[in-house]
C-alpha atoms as a PDB file:
ATOM      1  CA  MET A   1      12.646  21.001   2.561  1.00  0.00           C
ATOM      2  CA  ASN A   2      13.392  23.653   5.153  1.00  0.00           C
ATOM      3  CA  VAL A   3      16.628  25.432   4.304  1.00  0.00           C
ATOM      4  CA  GLN A   4      17.861  27.551   7.183  1.00  0.00           C
ATOM      5  CA  ALA A   5      20.750  29.943   7.846  1.00  0.00           C
ATOM      6  CA  HIS A   6      21.692  29.870  11.519  1.00  0.00           C
ATOM      7  CA  ALA A   7      23.904  32.468  13.144  1.00  0.00           C
ATOM      8  CA  PHE A   8      27.183  30.726  13.931  1.00  0.00           C
ATOM      9  CA  ARG A   9      29.910  33.343  14.249  1.00  0.00           C
ATOM     10  CA  PRO A  10      33.248  31.855  15.296  1.00  0.00           C
ATOM     11  CA  HIS A  11      36.034  34.050  16.607  1.00  0.00           C
ATOM     12  CA  ARG A  12      37.879  35.812  13.792  1.00  0.00           C
ATOM     13  CA  TRP A  13      40.961  33.551  14.018  1.00  0.00           C
ATOM     14  CA  LEU A  14      38.702  30.512  13.653  1.00  0.00           C
ATOM     15  CA  ARG A  15      37.123  31.537  10.343  1.00  0.00           C
ATOM     16  CA  ASN A  16      39.737  29.696   8.339  1.00  0.00           C
ATOM     17  CA  PRO A  17      38.178  26.382   7.194  1.00  0.00           C
ATOM     18  CA  HIS A  18      41.464  24.492   7.486  1.00  0.00           C
ATOM     19  CA  VAL A  19      41.965  25.605  11.089  1.00  0.00           C
ATOM     20  CA  GLN A  20      38.429  24.472  11.837  1.00  0.00           C
ATOM     21  CA  SER A  21      38.902  21.092  10.141  1.00  0.00           C
ATOM     22  CA  VAL A  22      42.253  20.320  11.790  1.00  0.00           C
ATOM     23  CA  LEU A  23      41.096  21.393  15.267  1.00  0.00           C
ATOM     24  CA  ALA A  24      37.964  19.208  15.044  1.00  0.00           C
ATOM     25  CA  SER A  25      39.911  15.974  15.740  1.00  0.00           C
ATOM     26  CA  SER A  26      43.102  17.420  17.160  1.00  0.00           C
ATOM     27  CA  GLY A  27      44.945  16.033  20.164  1.00  0.00           C
ATOM     28  CA  VAL A  28      44.594  19.417  21.843  1.00  0.00           C
ATOM     29  CA  ARG A  29      40.826  19.171  21.671  1.00  0.00           C
ATOM     30  CA  ARG A  30      40.882  15.562  22.933  1.00  0.00           C
ATOM     31  CA  PHE A  31      42.906  16.791  25.917  1.00  0.00           C
ATOM     32  CA  PHE A  32      40.547  19.713  26.568  1.00  0.00           C
ATOM     33  CA  PHE A  33      37.557  17.348  26.723  1.00  0.00           C
ATOM     34  CA  ARG A  34      39.145  14.303  28.323  1.00  0.00           C
ATOM     35  CA  HIS A  35      36.551  14.419  31.097  1.00  0.00           C
ATOM     36  CA  ARG A  36      33.863  13.761  28.470  1.00  0.00           C
ATOM     37  CA  ARG A  37      35.715  10.626  27.332  1.00  0.00           C
ATOM     38  CA  ALA A  38      35.708   9.419  30.925  1.00  0.00           C
ATOM     39  CA  LEU A  39      31.947  10.060  31.229  1.00  0.00           C
ATOM     40  CA  VAL A  40      31.100   8.145  28.077  1.00  0.00           C
ATOM     41  CA  ASP A  41      33.674   5.351  28.263  1.00  0.00           C
ATOM     42  CA  GLY A  42      33.702   4.843  32.004  1.00  0.00           C
ATOM     43  CA  ALA A  43      30.258   3.238  32.093  1.00  0.00           C
ATOM     44  CA  ALA A  44      30.245   1.820  28.548  1.00  0.00           C
ATOM     45  CA  VAL A  45      29.481  -1.843  27.897  1.00  0.00           C
ATOM     46  CA  GLU A  46      30.893  -3.506  24.776  1.00  0.00           C
ATOM     47  CA  HIS A  47      28.571  -5.445  22.480  1.00  0.00           C
ATOM     48  CA  ILE A  48      29.361  -7.585  19.449  1.00  0.00           C
ATOM     49  CA  LEU A  49      26.333  -7.357  17.219  1.00  0.00           C
ATOM     50  CA  ASP A  50      25.005 -10.005  14.843  1.00  0.00           C
ATOM     51  CA  CYS A  51      24.241  -7.899  11.771  1.00  0.00           C
ATOM     52  CA  GLY A  52      23.117 -10.700   9.459  1.00  0.00           C
ATOM     53  CA  ASP A  53      24.946 -12.818   6.854  1.00  0.00           C
ATOM     54  CA  GLY A  54      27.599 -13.674   9.427  1.00  0.00           C
ATOM     55  CA  VAL A  55      28.726 -10.065   9.843  1.00  0.00           C
ATOM     56  CA  ARG A  56      29.715  -8.920  13.319  1.00  0.00           C
ATOM     57  CA  LEU A  57      30.134  -5.283  14.334  1.00  0.00           C
ATOM     58  CA  GLN A  58      31.280  -3.817  17.651  1.00  0.00           C
ATOM     59  CA  GLY A  59      29.582  -1.113  19.617  1.00  0.00           C
ATOM     60  CA  PHE A  60      29.491   0.473  23.058  1.00  0.00           C
ATOM     61  CA  HIS A  61      26.358   1.196  25.081  1.00  0.00           C
ATOM     62  CA  THR A  62      26.300   3.819  27.826  1.00  0.00           C
ATOM     63  CA  ARG A  63      23.225   4.393  30.005  1.00  0.00           C
ATOM     64  CA  GLN A  64      22.322   7.922  31.023  1.00  0.00           C
ATOM     65  CA  THR A  65      22.049   8.772  34.716  1.00  0.00           C
ATOM     66  CA  ALA A  66      20.558  12.278  34.454  1.00  0.00           C
ATOM     67  CA  LEU A  67      16.912  11.178  34.545  1.00  0.00           C
ATOM     68  CA  PRO A  68      14.884   8.332  36.118  1.00  0.00           C
ATOM     69  CA  GLN A  69      14.120   7.069  32.586  1.00  0.00           C
ATOM     70  CA  PRO A  70      15.989   7.773  29.334  1.00  0.00           C
ATOM     71  CA  ARG A  71      14.492  10.293  26.929  1.00  0.00           C
ATOM     72  CA  ALA A  72      15.818   8.385  23.914  1.00  0.00           C
ATOM     73  CA  LEU A  73      18.442   5.994  22.606  1.00  0.00           C
ATOM     74  CA  ALA A  74      20.918   7.646  20.226  1.00  0.00           C
ATOM     75  CA  ILE A  75      23.060   5.554  17.885  1.00  0.00           C
ATOM     76  CA  LEU A  76      26.192   7.509  16.823  1.00  0.00           C
ATOM     77  CA  LEU A  77      28.188   6.811  13.686  1.00  0.00           C
ATOM     78  CA  HIS A  78      31.749   7.961  13.079  1.00  0.00           C
ATOM     79  CA  GLY A  79      33.470   9.062   9.889  1.00  0.00           C
ATOM     80  CA  TRP A  80      35.854   7.213   7.544  1.00  0.00           C
ATOM     81  CA  GLU A  81      38.899   5.930   9.471  1.00  0.00           C
ATOM     82  CA  GLY A  82      37.420   7.353  12.680  1.00  0.00           C
ATOM     83  CA  SER A  83      35.948   5.168  15.409  1.00  0.00           C
ATOM     84  CA  ALA A  84      33.672   5.068  18.409  1.00  0.00           C
ATOM     85  CA  GLN A  85      36.551   6.799  20.208  1.00  0.00           C
ATOM     86  CA  SER A  86      36.658   9.799  17.868  1.00  0.00           C
ATOM     87  CA  THR A  87      36.533  13.161  19.610  1.00  0.00           C
ATOM     88  CA  TYR A  88      33.353  14.324  17.919  1.00  0.00           C
ATOM     89  CA  VAL A  89      31.570  11.041  18.764  1.00  0.00           C
ATOM     90  CA  LEU A  90      32.611  11.169  22.440  1.00  0.00           C
ATOM     91  CA  ASN A  91      31.744  14.848  22.806  1.00  0.00           C
ATOM     92  CA  THR A  92      28.333  14.448  21.227  1.00  0.00           C
ATOM     93  CA  GLY A  93      27.768  11.303  23.266  1.00  0.00           C
ATOM     94  CA  ALA A  94      28.611  13.112  26.506  1.00  0.00           C
ATOM     95  CA  ARG A  95      26.222  15.945  25.684  1.00  0.00           C
ATOM     96  CA  LEU A  96      23.420  13.487  24.896  1.00  0.00           C
ATOM     97  CA  LEU A  97      24.012  11.592  28.151  1.00  0.00           C
ATOM     98  CA  ALA A  98      23.756  14.857  30.061  1.00  0.00           C
ATOM     99  CA  GLU A  99      20.396  15.465  28.351  1.00  0.00           C
ATOM    100  CA  GLY A 100      19.074  12.112  29.485  1.00  0.00           C
ATOM    101  CA  CYS A 101      19.663   9.995  26.359  1.00  0.00           C
ATOM    102  CA  ASP A 102      21.239   6.555  26.342  1.00  0.00           C
ATOM    103  CA  VAL A 103      24.050   6.364  23.766  1.00  0.00           C
ATOM    104  CA  PHE A 104      25.261   3.535  21.534  1.00  0.00           C
ATOM    105  CA  ARG A 105      28.493   4.187  19.605  1.00  0.00           C
ATOM    106  CA  LEU A 106      28.924   1.824  16.647  1.00  0.00           C
ATOM    107  CA  ASN A 107      32.196   0.926  14.988  1.00  0.00           C
ATOM    108  CA  PHE A 108      32.007   0.238  11.258  1.00  0.00           C
ATOM    109  CA  ARG A 109      33.740  -2.865   9.953  1.00  0.00           C
ATOM    110  CA  ASP A 110      37.568  -2.537  10.178  1.00  0.00           C
ATOM    111  CA  HIS A 111      37.370   0.622  12.311  1.00  0.00           C
ATOM    112  CA  GLY A 112      38.582   0.917  15.882  1.00  0.00           C
ATOM    113  CA  ASP A 113      39.896  -2.427  17.119  1.00  0.00           C
ATOM    114  CA  THR A 114      37.641  -4.599  14.968  1.00  0.00           C
ATOM    115  CA  HIS A 115      39.671  -5.771  11.976  1.00  0.00           C
ATOM    116  CA  HIS A 116      39.538  -9.357  13.254  1.00  0.00           C
ATOM    117  CA  LEU A 117      35.729  -9.589  13.349  1.00  0.00           C
ATOM    118  CA  ASN A 118      35.142 -10.013   9.605  1.00  0.00           C
ATOM    119  CA  ARG A 119      37.269 -11.472   6.828  1.00  0.00           C
ATOM    120  CA  GLU A 120      36.123  -9.150   4.048  1.00  0.00           C
ATOM    121  CA  MET A 121      37.271  -5.531   4.166  1.00  0.00           C
ATOM    122  CA  PHE A 122      35.253  -2.372   4.735  1.00  0.00           C
ATOM    123  CA  HIS A 123      33.922  -0.199   1.980  1.00  0.00           C
ATOM    124  CA  SER A 124      31.386   2.618   2.008  1.00  0.00           C
ATOM    125  CA  CYS A 125      28.589   0.701   0.268  1.00  0.00           C
ATOM    126  CA  ARG A 126      28.220  -1.821   3.106  1.00  0.00           C
ATOM    127  CA  ILE A 127      24.931  -0.276   4.179  1.00  0.00           C
ATOM    128  CA  ASP A 128      23.070  -3.544   4.815  1.00  0.00           C
ATOM    129  CA  GLU A 129      25.255  -4.498   7.758  1.00  0.00           C
ATOM    130  CA  VAL A 130      24.865  -1.061   9.353  1.00  0.00           C
ATOM    131  CA  VAL A 131      21.078  -1.376   9.017  1.00  0.00           C
ATOM    132  CA  GLY A 132      21.462  -4.802  10.594  1.00  0.00           C
ATOM    133  CA  ALA A 133      23.422  -3.271  13.449  1.00  0.00           C
ATOM    134  CA  VAL A 134      20.693  -0.705  14.064  1.00  0.00           C
ATOM    135  CA  GLN A 135      18.119  -3.537  14.065  1.00  0.00           C
ATOM    136  CA  ALA A 136      20.205  -5.423  16.593  1.00  0.00           C
ATOM    137  CA  VAL A 137      20.614  -2.385  18.868  1.00  0.00           C
ATOM    138  CA  ALA A 138      16.876  -1.670  18.696  1.00  0.00           C
ATOM    139  CA  ALA A 139      16.156  -5.285  19.731  1.00  0.00           C
ATOM    140  CA  LEU A 140      18.678  -5.241  22.577  1.00  0.00           C
ATOM    141  CA  PHE A 141      17.642  -1.996  24.225  1.00  0.00           C
ATOM    142  CA  PRO A 142      14.048  -0.898  24.889  1.00  0.00           C
ATOM    143  CA  ALA A 143      14.762   2.847  25.279  1.00  0.00           C
ATOM    144  CA  ARG A 144      12.658   4.838  22.850  1.00  0.00           C
ATOM    145  CA  PRO A 145      12.413   6.982  20.816  1.00  0.00           C
ATOM    146  CA  LEU A 146      15.335   5.828  18.683  1.00  0.00           C
ATOM    147  CA  LEU A 147      17.712   8.285  16.984  1.00  0.00           C
ATOM    148  CA  VAL A 148      20.578   7.798  14.517  1.00  0.00           C
ATOM    149  CA  GLY A 149      23.200  10.391  13.737  1.00  0.00           C
ATOM    150  CA  GLY A 150      26.658  10.689  12.331  1.00  0.00           C
ATOM    151  CA  TYR A 151      29.504  12.875  11.217  1.00  0.00           C
ATOM    152  CA  SER A 152      31.078  12.960   7.750  1.00  0.00           C
ATOM    153  CA  LEU A 153      30.793   9.441   6.235  1.00  0.00           C
ATOM    154  CA  GLY A 154      28.860   8.475   9.379  1.00  0.00           C
ATOM    155  CA  GLY A 155      26.295  11.135   8.464  1.00  0.00           C
ATOM    156  CA  ASN A 156      26.023   9.640   4.957  1.00  0.00           C
ATOM    157  CA  PHE A 157      25.458   6.185   6.517  1.00  0.00           C
ATOM    158  CA  ALA A 158      22.882   7.628   8.975  1.00  0.00           C
ATOM    159  CA  LEU A 159      20.795   9.077   6.152  1.00  0.00           C
ATOM    160  CA  ARG A 160      20.966   5.820   4.189  1.00  0.00           C
ATOM    161  CA  VAL A 161      19.921   3.900   7.283  1.00  0.00           C
ATOM    162  CA  ALA A 162      16.951   6.247   7.659  1.00  0.00           C
ATOM    163  CA  LEU A 163      15.933   5.586   4.036  1.00  0.00           C
ATOM    164  CA  ARG A 164      15.802   1.829   4.787  1.00  0.00           C
ATOM    165  CA  ALA A 165      14.544   1.970   8.378  1.00  0.00           C
ATOM    166  CA  ARG A 166      10.839   1.409   7.822  1.00  0.00           C
ATOM    167  CA  LYS A 167      11.363  -1.557   5.502  1.00  0.00           C
ATOM    168  CA  ALA A 168      13.789  -3.004   8.089  1.00  0.00           C
ATOM    169  CA  GLY A 169      11.169  -2.677  10.842  1.00  0.00           C
ATOM    170  CA  VAL A 170      13.056   0.045  12.666  1.00  0.00           C
ATOM    171  CA  ASP A 171      11.006   2.988  13.956  1.00  0.00           C
ATOM    172  CA  LEU A 172      13.310   6.048  13.882  1.00  0.00           C
ATOM    173  CA  ALA A 173      12.187   9.281  15.464  1.00  0.00           C
ATOM    174  CA  TRP A 174      14.945  11.490  14.045  1.00  0.00           C
ATOM    175  CA  VAL A 175      18.164  11.301  12.054  1.00  0.00           C
ATOM    176  CA  PHE A 176      20.951  13.868  11.899  1.00  0.00           C
ATOM    177  CA  ALA A 177      23.983  14.197   9.686  1.00  0.00           C
ATOM    178  CA  VAL A 178      26.880  16.634  10.069  1.00  0.00           C
ATOM    179  CA  CYS A 179      28.924  17.372   6.933  1.00  0.00           C
ATOM    180  CA  PRO A 180      27.913  14.188   5.108  1.00  0.00           C
ATOM    181  CA  PRO A 181      29.397  13.511   1.686  1.00  0.00           C
ATOM    182  CA  VAL A 182      26.516  13.997  -0.779  1.00  0.00           C
ATOM    183  CA  SER A 183      28.339  13.174  -4.018  1.00  0.00           C
ATOM    184  CA  PRO A 184      31.313  10.899  -3.205  1.00  0.00           C
ATOM    185  CA  ALA A 185      32.819  11.599  -6.625  1.00  0.00           C
ATOM    186  CA  ALA A 186      32.749  15.354  -5.934  1.00  0.00           C
ATOM    187  CA  ALA A 187      34.147  14.792  -2.461  1.00  0.00           C
ATOM    188  CA  MET A 188      37.084  12.844  -3.882  1.00  0.00           C
ATOM    189  CA  HIS A 189      37.793  15.630  -6.332  1.00  0.00           C
ATOM    190  CA  ALA A 190      37.626  18.158  -3.477  1.00  0.00           C
ATOM    191  CA  ILE A 191      40.130  16.181  -1.389  1.00  0.00           C
ATOM    192  CA  GLU A 192      42.489  16.002  -4.344  1.00  0.00           C
ATOM    193  CA  ALA A 193      42.174  19.753  -4.901  1.00  0.00           C
ATOM    194  CA  ALA A 194      42.505  20.668  -1.211  1.00  0.00           C
ATOM    195  CA  PRO A 195      45.823  21.169   0.608  1.00  0.00           C
ATOM    196  CA  ALA A 196      47.788  17.897   0.570  1.00  0.00           C
ATOM    197  CA  ILE A 197      47.398  17.452   4.324  1.00  0.00           C
ATOM    198  CA  TYR A 198      43.867  16.063   3.841  1.00  0.00           C
ATOM    199  CA  GLU A 199      44.756  13.262   1.472  1.00  0.00           C
ATOM    200  CA  TYR A 200      47.908  12.529   3.507  1.00  0.00           C
ATOM    201  CA  TYR A 201      45.810  12.268   6.699  1.00  0.00           C
ATOM    202  CA  PHE A 202      43.220   9.890   5.238  1.00  0.00           C
ATOM    203  CA  MET A 203      45.694   7.811   3.305  1.00  0.00           C
ATOM    204  CA  LYS A 204      48.012   7.311   6.259  1.00  0.00           C
ATOM    205  CA  LYS A 205      45.141   5.994   8.333  1.00  0.00           C
ATOM    206  CA  TRP A 206      43.677   3.868   5.520  1.00  0.00           C
ATOM    207  CA  ARG A 207      47.006   2.272   4.584  1.00  0.00           C
ATOM    208  CA  GLY A 208      47.604   1.429   8.260  1.00  0.00           C
ATOM    209  CA  SER A 209      44.139  -0.133   8.439  1.00  0.00           C
ATOM    210  CA  LEU A 210      44.709  -2.219   5.327  1.00  0.00           C
ATOM    211  CA  GLN A 211      48.092  -3.407   6.529  1.00  0.00           C
ATOM    212  CA  ARG A 212      46.547  -4.463   9.819  1.00  0.00           C
ATOM    213  CA  LYS A 213      43.832  -6.356   7.941  1.00  0.00           C
ATOM    214  CA  GLN A 214      46.429  -8.135   5.804  1.00  0.00           C
ATOM    215  CA  ALA A 215      48.390  -9.158   8.910  1.00  0.00           C
ATOM    216  CA  LEU A 216      45.283 -10.646  10.510  1.00  0.00           C
ATOM    217  CA  PHE A 217      44.279 -12.510   7.323  1.00  0.00           C
ATOM    218  CA  PRO A 218      47.616 -13.372   5.670  1.00  0.00           C
ATOM    219  CA  GLN A 219      45.966 -15.900   3.382  1.00  0.00           C
ATOM    220  CA  ALA A 220      43.970 -13.096   1.740  1.00  0.00           C
ATOM    221  CA  ASP A 221      45.708 -11.188  -1.051  1.00  0.00           C
ATOM    222  CA  LEU A 222      44.510  -7.641  -0.377  1.00  0.00           C
ATOM    223  CA  PHE A 223      46.963  -5.263  -2.072  1.00  0.00           C
ATOM    224  CA  THR A 224      50.545  -5.309  -3.322  1.00  0.00           C
ATOM    225  CA  ARG A 225      53.099  -2.951  -1.818  1.00  0.00           C
ATOM    226  CA  ALA A 226      53.061  -0.944  -5.048  1.00  0.00           C
ATOM    227  CA  GLU A 227      49.260  -0.584  -4.882  1.00  0.00           C
ATOM    228  CA  LEU A 228      49.453   0.594  -1.249  1.00  0.00           C
ATOM    229  CA  ARG A 229      51.806   3.375  -2.349  1.00  0.00           C
ATOM    230  CA  GLY A 230      49.154   4.730  -4.765  1.00  0.00           C
ATOM    231  CA  ASN A 231      47.124   7.840  -4.176  1.00  0.00           C
ATOM    232  CA  MET A 232      43.534   7.822  -2.895  1.00  0.00           C
ATOM    233  CA  ARG A 233      41.924   7.554  -6.311  1.00  0.00           C
ATOM    234  CA  GLU A 234      44.112   4.713  -7.528  1.00  0.00           C
ATOM    235  CA  LEU A 235      43.980   2.705  -4.313  1.00  0.00           C
ATOM    236  CA  THR A 236      40.203   3.099  -4.185  1.00  0.00           C
ATOM    237  CA  ARG A 237      39.997   1.987  -7.817  1.00  0.00           C
ATOM    238  CA  ARG A 238      42.069  -1.131  -7.045  1.00  0.00           C
ATOM    239  CA  MET A 239      39.863  -1.910  -4.055  1.00  0.00           C
ATOM    240  CA  VAL A 240      36.732  -1.653  -6.202  1.00  0.00           C
ATOM    241  CA  VAL A 241      38.094  -3.851  -8.977  1.00  0.00           C
ATOM    242  CA  ARG A 242      39.624  -6.506  -6.723  1.00  0.00           C
ATOM    243  CA  HIS A 243      37.313  -6.636  -3.741  1.00  0.00           C
ATOM    244  CA  THR A 244      33.834  -5.478  -4.746  1.00  0.00           C
ATOM    245  CA  GLY A 245      31.304  -6.325  -7.396  1.00  0.00           C
ATOM    246  CA  PHE A 246      30.905  -2.740  -8.636  1.00  0.00           C
ATOM    247  CA  GLY A 247      33.319  -3.120 -11.537  1.00  0.00           C
ATOM    248  CA  THR A 248      34.320   0.530 -11.831  1.00  0.00           C
ATOM    249  CA  LEU A 249      35.254   3.315  -9.454  1.00  0.00           C
ATOM    250  CA  GLU A 250      32.384   5.414 -10.826  1.00  0.00           C
ATOM    251  CA  ASN A 251      29.799   2.710 -10.060  1.00  0.00           C
ATOM    252  CA  TYR A 252      31.147   2.346  -6.536  1.00  0.00           C
ATOM    253  CA  LEU A 253      31.030   6.091  -5.802  1.00  0.00           C
ATOM    254  CA  ASP A 254      27.491   6.245  -7.158  1.00  0.00           C
ATOM    255  CA  GLY A 255      26.616   3.347  -4.830  1.00  0.00           C
ATOM    256  CA  TYR A 256      26.674   5.522  -1.741  1.00  0.00           C
ATOM    257  CA  SER A 257      25.723   8.856  -3.272  1.00  0.00           C
ATOM    258  CA  LEU A 258      22.936  10.960  -1.765  1.00  0.00           C
ATOM    259  CA  ALA A 259      22.817  13.395  -4.637  1.00  0.00           C
ATOM    260  CA  GLY A 260      19.778  14.789  -6.387  1.00  0.00           C
ATOM    261  CA  ALA A 261      16.518  13.026  -5.519  1.00  0.00           C
ATOM    262  CA  THR A 262      18.041  10.136  -3.542  1.00  0.00           C
ATOM    263  CA  LEU A 263      16.676  11.446  -0.230  1.00  0.00           C
ATOM    264  CA  ALA A 264      13.308  12.574  -1.598  1.00  0.00           C
ATOM    265  CA  ALA A 265      11.641   9.431  -0.221  1.00  0.00           C
ATOM    266  CA  LEU A 266      13.049   9.935   3.288  1.00  0.00           C
ATOM    267  CA  ASP A 267      10.180   9.383   5.725  1.00  0.00           C
ATOM    268  CA  VAL A 268      12.110  10.079   8.952  1.00  0.00           C
ATOM    269  CA  PRO A 269      12.488  13.643  10.241  1.00  0.00           C
ATOM    270  CA  ALA A 270      16.019  14.666   9.341  1.00  0.00           C
ATOM    271  CA  THR A 271      18.460  17.438  10.125  1.00  0.00           C
ATOM    272  CA  ILE A 272      21.481  17.987   7.871  1.00  0.00           C
ATOM    273  CA  LEU A 273      24.147  20.476   9.008  1.00  0.00           C
ATOM    274  CA  THR A 274      27.074  21.594   6.911  1.00  0.00           C
ATOM    275  CA  ALA A 275      29.427  24.529   6.406  1.00  0.00           C
ATOM    276  CA  ALA A 276      29.716  26.501   3.179  1.00  0.00           C
ATOM    277  CA  ASP A 277      33.499  26.516   3.560  1.00  0.00           C
ATOM    278  CA  ASP A 278      33.945  22.742   4.131  1.00  0.00           C
ATOM    279  CA  PRO A 279      37.132  22.071   2.158  1.00  0.00           C
ATOM    280  CA  ILE A 280      36.326  18.409   1.315  1.00  0.00           C
ATOM    281  CA  ILE A 281      32.503  18.310   0.963  1.00  0.00           C
ATOM    282  CA  PRO A 282      31.395  20.759  -1.753  1.00  0.00           C
ATOM    283  CA  VAL A 283      28.497  22.904  -0.587  1.00  0.00           C
ATOM    284  CA  ALA A 284      27.027  23.014  -4.096  1.00  0.00           C
ATOM    285  CA  ASP A 285      25.962  19.374  -3.694  1.00  0.00           C
ATOM    286  CA  PHE A 286      23.656  20.349  -0.811  1.00  0.00           C
ATOM    287  CA  HIS A 287      21.883  23.053  -2.785  1.00  0.00           C
ATOM    288  CA  GLU A 288      20.904  20.454  -5.373  1.00  0.00           C
ATOM    289  CA  LEU A 289      19.366  18.022  -2.871  1.00  0.00           C
ATOM    290  CA  GLN A 290      15.670  17.196  -3.221  1.00  0.00           C
ATOM    291  CA  LEU A 291      14.439  16.719   0.358  1.00  0.00           C
ATOM    292  CA  PRO A 292      10.960  16.105   1.803  1.00  0.00           C
ATOM    293  CA  THR A 293       9.236  18.766   3.933  1.00  0.00           C
ATOM    294  CA  THR A 294      10.146  16.852   7.107  1.00  0.00           C
ATOM    295  CA  SER A 295      13.854  17.423   6.457  1.00  0.00           C
ATOM    296  CA  GLU A 296      15.830  20.541   7.294  1.00  0.00           C
ATOM    297  CA  LEU A 297      19.096  21.614   5.694  1.00  0.00           C
ATOM    298  CA  VAL A 298      21.207  24.067   7.665  1.00  0.00           C
ATOM    299  CA  ILE A 299      24.219  25.698   5.966  1.00  0.00           C
ATOM    300  CA  VAL A 300      26.419  28.085   7.943  1.00  0.00           C
ATOM    301  CA  PRO A 301      29.194  30.196   6.364  1.00  0.00           C
ATOM    302  CA  HIS A 302      32.022  28.871   8.575  1.00  0.00           C
ATOM    303  CA  GLY A 303      32.861  25.604  10.262  1.00  0.00           C
ATOM    304  CA  GLY A 304      35.178  23.658   7.990  1.00  0.00           C
ATOM    305  CA  HIS A 305      34.768  19.885   7.989  1.00  0.00           C
ATOM    306  CA  CYS A 306      32.962  18.824  11.180  1.00  0.00           C
ATOM    307  CA  GLY A 307      34.563  21.686  13.105  1.00  0.00           C
ATOM    308  CA  PHE A 308      32.196  24.490  14.065  1.00  0.00           C
ATOM    309  CA  ILE A 309      34.658  25.539  16.791  1.00  0.00           C
ATOM    310  CA  ARG A 310      33.397  28.749  18.350  1.00  0.00           C
ATOM    311  CA  ASP A 311      36.343  30.162  20.390  1.00  0.00           C
ATOM    312  CA  ALA A 312      39.442  29.366  22.442  1.00  0.00           C
ATOM    313  CA  SER A 313      37.453  26.931  24.603  1.00  0.00           C
ATOM    314  CA  LEU A 314      37.436  24.671  21.473  1.00  0.00           C
ATOM    315  CA  SER A 315      33.785  23.866  22.132  1.00  0.00           C
ATOM    316  CA  SER A 316      31.664  23.007  19.094  1.00  0.00           C
ATOM    317  CA  TRP A 317      28.583  24.973  18.167  1.00  0.00           C
ATOM    318  CA  ALA A 318      27.357  21.916  16.268  1.00  0.00           C
ATOM    319  CA  GLU A 319      26.750  20.086  19.569  1.00  0.00           C
ATOM    320  CA  ASP A 320      24.614  22.989  20.865  1.00  0.00           C
ATOM    321  CA  PHE A 321      22.711  23.086  17.573  1.00  0.00           C
ATOM    322  CA  LEU A 322      22.023  19.345  17.645  1.00  0.00           C
ATOM    323  CA  LEU A 323      20.731  19.513  21.229  1.00  0.00           C
ATOM    324  CA  GLU A 324      18.435  22.352  20.189  1.00  0.00           C
ATOM    325  CA  ARG A 325      17.070  20.192  17.389  1.00  0.00           C
ATOM    326  CA  LEU A 326      16.807  17.218  19.794  1.00  0.00           C
ATOM    327  CA  HIS A 327      14.522  19.270  22.033  1.00  0.00           C
ATOM    328  CA  ALA A 328      12.490  20.356  19.017  1.00  0.00           C
ATOM    329  CA  HIS A 329      11.898  16.762  17.949  1.00  0.00           C
ATOM    330  CA  LEU A 330      11.454  15.145  21.378  1.00  0.00           C
ATOM    331  CA  GLY A 331      10.202  18.031  23.478  1.00  0.00           C
ATOM    332  CA  GLY A 332      12.131  19.807  26.242  1.00  0.00           C
ATOM    333  CA  ARG A 333      14.048  17.896  28.832  1.00  0.00           C
ATOM    334  CA  THR A 334      11.808  16.606  31.618  1.00  0.00           C
END
């Protein structure tokens, strides 16, 4: 494992982790970079992927126009209750397009406008269908090498996809993860201990998603009104008991944990980036990871959760860092 300390020095007023975290997906930042949304979305083609076992997932493919031939195909994964339209996904996608990479933005089950595609609801242990989606994308598009990367929960999924890629017949050249939850149990505790705005933000989006799912499948008994009013821990517990085979909340959280030696068998070159001051993903979990020599872990002092905003331009240092690592793994742009 290569543990690095890169020099990311945000402006003084941006060294507060909560400012970083809120700005990361703020409407102001979406407005600042609306031209990037146009670049990525304007030429995007929707695909409904057959992911196996009757599961269908939606994604959007955008071809690069910077080079005669693409340098790579990058599959981007969003965070919990985000989507293929999330600011960080669009911004990273735009930067990759400019560097000559084709981009495929995947929506997880019940994210974006996809609640109608599958009867059963989303949960974070549905890794098989995401691996199936990556297999489907690889079969549809010949551009190689193939990359997978994600932010927050998307980063957790990306690393789990990489663990299963070889067995699934998918040849990955590189995987990256930005602020991935390592121990979901510790992340839940951190959200509960953080300022209330974090749990409010996630719960508002999750409740809205569950209500939309219930309206589309009225014959399914998802949650009672009283259950929907519960906090994150209690609603997650009810989801696990009623709609999964894990039995307990603890078993479910362990089901998508990356802690300890989980990633030791990773045979795909990997880059993990996080911030020591991330308010909802404890940095201590990263120090306890057992990673192979082909993986690099980069921890910077500031950045919040998926922020890494450098100055008043609201640009993200994380995008520059990822492009630097892209060049290192694929060679300089031709």
